[in-house]
Amino acid sequence: MAETIRRLRAYADAGADCLYAPGIKTREEIAAVVKGVAPKPVNFLMGFASDLTMRDLAELGVRRISVGGALARSAWGGFMRMAKEIAGPGSFKGFADAAPGPDIVQGLRG
């Protein structure tokens, strides 16, 4: 953790406006990074299943949250599960979790 904070401070000293430490996951790690680089804002990468919420991260001092490719991986996970279900037992029951077409269209329109 000390090396991570040292490197983030070096980025801040070089002019970085927002600091990012991929790989930190625990409340303790997040709090240490936020405290260690204050007052610079910290961007947190949430790309894994976690009990942490948006509120939790804000309370820990995170100022920006990114999800990277997690949304795409989540969608691919659903695609792969259904493809295996169709090819294996031949069931279509998993489509019950699919987003309705009108909801997708509405989402595109904003």
Protein backbone atom coordinates (compact mmCIF):
# COMPACT_ATOMS: atom_id res chain seq x y z
CA MET A 1 0.00 0.00 0.00
CA ALA A 2 2.87 2.37 0.80
CA GLU A 3 4.31 1.92 -2.70
CA THR A 4 0.89 2.49 -4.28
CA ILE A 5 0.46 5.76 -2.39
CA ARG A 6 4.03 6.82 -3.18
CA ARG A 7 3.39 6.32 -6.89
CA LEU A 8 0.04 8.11 -6.78
CA ARG A 9 1.66 11.09 -5.06
CA ALA A 10 4.32 11.14 -7.80
CA TYR A 11 1.54 11.30 -10.41
CA ALA A 12 -0.11 14.12 -8.45
CA ASP A 13 3.20 16.00 -8.26
CA ALA A 14 3.54 15.57 -12.03
CA GLY A 15 0.15 17.24 -12.54
CA ALA A 16 -2.45 14.46 -12.47
CA ASP A 17 -5.90 15.84 -11.69
CA CYS A 18 -7.52 12.57 -10.60
CA LEU A 19 -5.72 9.54 -9.22
CA TYR A 20 -6.48 5.94 -9.98
CA ALA A 21 -5.16 2.78 -8.30
CA PRO A 22 -6.51 -0.30 -10.08
CA GLY A 23 -6.53 -3.40 -7.92
CA ILE A 24 -7.56 -1.94 -4.59
CA LYS A 25 -10.72 -3.61 -3.31
CA THR A 26 -11.18 -3.43 0.44
CA ARG A 27 -12.57 -0.58 2.50
CA GLU A 28 -9.23 -0.32 4.25
CA GLU A 29 -7.27 -0.06 0.99
CA ILE A 30 -9.67 2.50 -0.44
CA ALA A 31 -9.61 4.64 2.71
CA ALA A 32 -5.80 4.48 2.84
CA VAL A 33 -5.46 5.62 -0.77
CA VAL A 34 -8.00 8.43 -0.38
CA LYS A 35 -6.27 9.66 2.79
CA GLY A 36 -2.80 9.17 1.32
CA VAL A 37 -3.36 11.37 -1.73
CA ALA A 38 -5.72 14.00 -0.29
CA PRO A 39 -6.78 16.54 -1.42
CA LYS A 40 -6.50 15.00 -4.91
CA PRO A 41 -9.66 13.12 -5.98
CA VAL A 42 -9.54 9.35 -6.30
CA ASN A 43 -11.14 7.39 -9.13
CA PHE A 44 -12.17 3.87 -8.11
CA LEU A 45 -12.51 1.00 -10.59
CA MET A 46 -15.50 -1.18 -9.66
CA GLY A 47 -15.18 -4.10 -12.02
CA PHE A 48 -15.94 -6.99 -9.68
CA ALA A 49 -18.83 -8.28 -7.56
CA SER A 50 -18.82 -6.42 -4.26
CA ASP A 51 -20.97 -5.57 -1.28
CA LEU A 52 -19.75 -1.97 -1.56
CA THR A 53 -22.37 0.50 -2.76
CA MET A 54 -22.12 3.90 -4.41
CA ARG A 55 -22.88 5.42 -1.02
CA ASP A 56 -20.16 3.35 0.68
CA LEU A 57 -17.56 4.51 -1.84
CA ALA A 58 -18.62 8.14 -1.46
CA GLU A 59 -18.40 7.84 2.32
CA LEU A 60 -14.89 6.43 1.92
CA GLY A 61 -14.00 9.59 -0.01
CA VAL A 62 -14.01 8.25 -3.57
CA ARG A 63 -14.86 11.08 -5.95
CA ARG A 64 -15.29 9.17 -9.20
CA ILE A 65 -16.29 5.58 -9.96
CA SER A 66 -15.53 3.76 -13.21
CA VAL A 67 -16.75 0.32 -14.20
CA GLY A 68 -14.32 -0.27 -17.06
CA GLY A 69 -15.42 -3.25 -19.12
CA ALA A 70 -17.55 -4.76 -16.33
CA LEU A 71 -20.87 -3.85 -17.96
CA ALA A 72 -19.80 -5.50 -21.22
CA ARG A 73 -18.48 -8.57 -19.35
CA SER A 74 -21.77 -8.78 -17.47
CA ALA A 75 -23.72 -8.69 -20.73
CA TRP A 76 -21.43 -11.33 -22.24
CA GLY A 77 -21.92 -13.48 -19.15
CA GLY A 78 -25.68 -13.44 -19.73
CA PHE A 79 -25.20 -14.18 -23.42
CA MET A 80 -22.89 -17.13 -22.69
CA ARG A 81 -25.19 -18.57 -20.00
CA MET A 82 -28.16 -18.50 -22.38
CA ALA A 83 -26.18 -19.94 -25.30
CA LYS A 84 -25.12 -22.86 -23.07
CA GLU A 85 -28.68 -23.30 -21.81
CA ILE A 86 -30.06 -23.45 -25.35
CA ALA A 87 -27.29 -25.71 -26.65
CA GLY A 88 -27.36 -27.98 -23.58
CA PRO A 89 -30.77 -28.74 -22.09
CA GLY A 90 -32.52 -26.72 -24.79
CA SER A 91 -34.26 -24.38 -22.35
CA PHE A 92 -35.25 -20.77 -22.99
CA LYS A 93 -36.23 -20.02 -19.37
CA GLY A 94 -33.29 -17.67 -18.88
CA PHE A 95 -34.89 -15.21 -21.27
CA ALA A 96 -37.12 -14.23 -18.33
CA ASP A 97 -34.19 -12.04 -17.21
CA ALA A 98 -33.90 -10.31 -20.58
CA ALA A 99 -34.62 -6.60 -20.87
CA PRO A 100 -37.90 -6.01 -22.72
CA GLY A 101 -37.45 -4.48 -26.18
CA PRO A 102 -39.49 -1.34 -25.36
CA ASP A 103 -37.29 -0.68 -22.32
CA ILE A 104 -34.17 -0.86 -24.49
CA VAL A 105 -35.67 1.51 -27.07
CA GLN A 106 -36.75 3.92 -24.31
CA GLY A 107 -33.26 3.77 -22.82
CA LEU A 108 -31.76 4.72 -26.18
CA ARG A 109 -34.10 7.68 -26.49
CA GLY A 110 -33.22 8.90 -22.98
